N, C-alpha and C. Protein backbone atom coordinates (compact mmCIF):
# COMPACT_ATOMS: atom_id res chain seq x y z
N MET A 1 0.84 -1.17 0.00
CA MET A 1 0.00 0.00 0.00
C MET A 1 0.89 1.24 0.00
N ASN A 2 0.59 2.17 -0.90
CA ASN A 2 1.41 3.37 -0.95
C ASN A 2 0.65 4.56 -0.38
N ASP A 3 1.32 5.70 -0.34
CA ASP A 3 0.73 6.90 0.26
C ASP A 3 -0.51 7.38 -0.49
N LYS A 4 -0.62 7.07 -1.78
CA LYS A 4 -1.79 7.51 -2.54
C LYS A 4 -3.04 6.74 -2.13
N ASP A 5 -2.86 5.59 -1.49
CA ASP A 5 -3.99 4.78 -1.04
C ASP A 5 -4.51 5.23 0.32
N MET A 6 -3.75 6.09 1.00
CA MET A 6 -4.14 6.58 2.32
C MET A 6 -4.46 8.07 2.22
N LEU A 7 -5.57 8.49 2.82
CA LEU A 7 -6.02 9.87 2.75
C LEU A 7 -6.16 10.47 4.15
N THR A 8 -5.82 11.75 4.27
CA THR A 8 -6.06 12.46 5.52
C THR A 8 -7.54 12.87 5.56
N ILE A 9 -7.98 13.34 6.70
CA ILE A 9 -9.36 13.82 6.83
C ILE A 9 -9.63 14.94 5.83
N GLU A 10 -8.68 15.85 5.70
CA GLU A 10 -8.85 16.97 4.79
C GLU A 10 -8.98 16.50 3.34
N GLU A 11 -8.20 15.50 2.96
CA GLU A 11 -8.27 14.96 1.60
C GLU A 11 -9.61 14.27 1.35
N VAL A 12 -10.10 13.54 2.34
CA VAL A 12 -11.41 12.89 2.21
C VAL A 12 -12.49 13.94 2.05
N GLU A 13 -12.42 15.00 2.85
CA GLU A 13 -13.41 16.08 2.78
C GLU A 13 -13.45 16.69 1.38
N SER A 14 -12.30 17.00 0.82
CA SER A 14 -12.28 17.69 -0.47
C SER A 14 -12.58 16.75 -1.64
N GLU A 15 -12.07 15.53 -1.63
CA GLU A 15 -12.26 14.63 -2.76
C GLU A 15 -13.64 13.99 -2.81
N PHE A 16 -14.24 13.76 -1.65
CA PHE A 16 -15.51 13.05 -1.60
C PHE A 16 -16.66 13.91 -1.10
N SER A 17 -16.42 15.16 -0.82
CA SER A 17 -17.44 16.09 -0.32
C SER A 17 -18.13 15.55 0.94
N LEU A 18 -17.36 14.92 1.81
CA LEU A 18 -17.87 14.44 3.08
C LEU A 18 -17.50 15.44 4.17
N LYS A 19 -18.42 15.69 5.07
CA LYS A 19 -18.10 16.54 6.21
C LYS A 19 -17.31 15.75 7.24
N ARG A 20 -16.51 16.46 7.99
CA ARG A 20 -15.69 15.85 9.04
C ARG A 20 -16.56 15.10 10.05
N SER A 21 -17.70 15.69 10.41
CA SER A 21 -18.59 15.03 11.38
C SER A 21 -19.14 13.72 10.83
N THR A 22 -19.41 13.66 9.54
CA THR A 22 -19.88 12.43 8.91
C THR A 22 -18.80 11.37 8.96
N LEU A 23 -17.58 11.77 8.69
CA LEU A 23 -16.45 10.85 8.72
C LEU A 23 -16.26 10.28 10.13
N TYR A 24 -16.34 11.14 11.15
CA TYR A 24 -16.22 10.68 12.53
C TYR A 24 -17.37 9.73 12.91
N ARG A 25 -18.57 9.99 12.38
CA ARG A 25 -19.70 9.10 12.65
C ARG A 25 -19.44 7.72 12.06
N TYR A 26 -18.92 7.66 10.84
CA TYR A 26 -18.59 6.37 10.22
C TYR A 26 -17.55 5.61 11.05
N VAL A 27 -16.59 6.35 11.62
CA VAL A 27 -15.58 5.71 12.48
C VAL A 27 -16.25 5.16 13.73
N ARG A 28 -17.10 5.97 14.35
CA ARG A 28 -17.78 5.56 15.58
C ARG A 28 -18.67 4.33 15.36
N LEU A 29 -19.30 4.26 14.18
CA LEU A 29 -20.17 3.13 13.86
C LEU A 29 -19.38 1.89 13.42
N GLY A 30 -18.08 2.06 13.21
CA GLY A 30 -17.24 0.94 12.80
C GLY A 30 -17.26 0.68 11.30
N SER A 31 -17.78 1.63 10.53
CA SER A 31 -17.86 1.46 9.08
C SER A 31 -16.50 1.63 8.40
N ILE A 32 -15.65 2.47 8.99
CA ILE A 32 -14.29 2.67 8.48
C ILE A 32 -13.33 2.68 9.65
N THR A 33 -12.06 2.44 9.35
CA THR A 33 -11.03 2.38 10.38
C THR A 33 -10.00 3.48 10.16
N PRO A 34 -9.73 4.30 11.17
CA PRO A 34 -8.66 5.29 11.04
C PRO A 34 -7.31 4.64 11.32
N TYR A 35 -6.29 5.08 10.64
CA TYR A 35 -4.93 4.56 10.82
C TYR A 35 -4.03 5.72 11.18
N ARG A 36 -2.94 5.42 11.85
CA ARG A 36 -1.94 6.44 12.22
C ARG A 36 -0.57 5.99 11.78
N LYS A 37 0.24 6.95 11.38
CA LYS A 37 1.64 6.68 11.06
C LYS A 37 2.47 7.03 12.29
N ALA A 38 3.55 6.32 12.49
CA ALA A 38 4.42 6.59 13.64
C ALA A 38 4.92 8.03 13.60
N GLY A 39 4.78 8.73 14.70
CA GLY A 39 5.25 10.10 14.80
C GLY A 39 4.34 11.13 14.16
N ASP A 40 3.15 10.72 13.73
CA ASP A 40 2.22 11.63 13.06
C ASP A 40 0.88 11.57 13.80
N ARG A 41 0.36 12.71 14.17
CA ARG A 41 -0.89 12.76 14.94
C ARG A 41 -2.13 12.66 14.07
N ARG A 42 -1.96 12.83 12.76
CA ARG A 42 -3.12 12.81 11.86
C ARG A 42 -3.68 11.40 11.69
N SER A 43 -4.96 11.34 11.42
CA SER A 43 -5.61 10.07 11.08
C SER A 43 -5.62 9.92 9.57
N TYR A 44 -5.43 8.70 9.12
CA TYR A 44 -5.46 8.38 7.70
C TYR A 44 -6.52 7.32 7.45
N PHE A 45 -7.09 7.35 6.25
CA PHE A 45 -8.13 6.40 5.88
C PHE A 45 -7.78 5.77 4.56
N LYS A 46 -8.13 4.50 4.40
CA LYS A 46 -7.88 3.80 3.15
C LYS A 46 -8.85 4.31 2.09
N ARG A 47 -8.31 4.69 0.95
CA ARG A 47 -9.12 5.21 -0.15
C ARG A 47 -10.21 4.19 -0.53
N ALA A 48 -9.86 2.92 -0.60
CA ALA A 48 -10.82 1.88 -1.00
C ALA A 48 -11.99 1.80 -0.02
N GLU A 49 -11.73 1.97 1.28
CA GLU A 49 -12.81 1.94 2.27
C GLU A 49 -13.76 3.11 2.07
N ILE A 50 -13.21 4.28 1.81
CA ILE A 50 -14.05 5.47 1.60
C ILE A 50 -14.87 5.31 0.33
N GLU A 51 -14.23 4.87 -0.75
CA GLU A 51 -14.94 4.69 -2.02
C GLU A 51 -16.06 3.67 -1.87
N GLY A 52 -15.80 2.58 -1.17
CA GLY A 52 -16.82 1.57 -0.96
C GLY A 52 -17.96 2.06 -0.10
N LEU A 53 -17.64 2.91 0.84
CA LEU A 53 -18.64 3.43 1.76
C LEU A 53 -19.59 4.41 1.08
N VAL A 54 -19.04 5.32 0.32
CA VAL A 54 -19.87 6.35 -0.30
C VAL A 54 -20.44 5.91 -1.64
N GLY A 55 -19.92 4.84 -2.21
CA GLY A 55 -20.49 4.28 -3.42
C GLY A 55 -20.20 5.04 -4.69
N PHE A 56 -19.21 5.89 -4.67
CA PHE A 56 -18.82 6.60 -5.88
C PHE A 56 -17.36 6.98 -5.80
N HIS A 57 -16.84 7.42 -6.91
CA HIS A 57 -15.44 7.83 -6.96
C HIS A 57 -15.34 9.33 -6.71
N PRO A 58 -14.15 9.81 -6.45
CA PRO A 58 -13.98 11.24 -6.17
C PRO A 58 -14.53 12.10 -7.29
N ARG A 59 -15.06 13.24 -6.92
CA ARG A 59 -15.57 14.16 -7.94
C ARG A 59 -14.40 14.80 -8.66
N LYS A 60 -14.62 15.12 -9.90
CA LYS A 60 -13.60 15.78 -10.69
C LYS A 60 -13.85 17.28 -10.63
N PRO A 61 -12.79 18.06 -10.51
CA PRO A 61 -12.98 19.51 -10.46
C PRO A 61 -13.64 20.01 -11.74
N LYS A 62 -14.54 20.98 -11.58
CA LYS A 62 -15.20 21.56 -12.75
C LYS A 62 -14.22 22.46 -13.48
N ALA A 63 -14.36 22.47 -14.79
CA ALA A 63 -13.51 23.32 -15.61
C ALA A 63 -13.91 24.78 -15.40
N ILE A 64 -12.93 25.63 -15.40
CA ILE A 64 -13.18 27.06 -15.26
C ILE A 64 -13.51 27.62 -16.63
N LYS A 65 -14.67 28.29 -16.71
CA LYS A 65 -15.08 28.87 -17.99
C LYS A 65 -14.43 30.23 -18.15
N ALA A 66 -13.93 30.47 -19.34
CA ALA A 66 -13.26 31.74 -19.61
C ALA A 66 -14.21 32.78 -20.11
């Protein structure tokens, strides 16, 4: 598993449009598991778990109209 497979809370929020409180609720319900790296206080989540949970892939940024 590489770093691209693990997402921070902020990355999950922006890529999947999930609120932080929703993410914490999924953790509390046991739907997803937070992981920690040694020496790092942040929580990380497996991309595959998030994708499976929300049932869709990350949204693509909209093109800027000129």
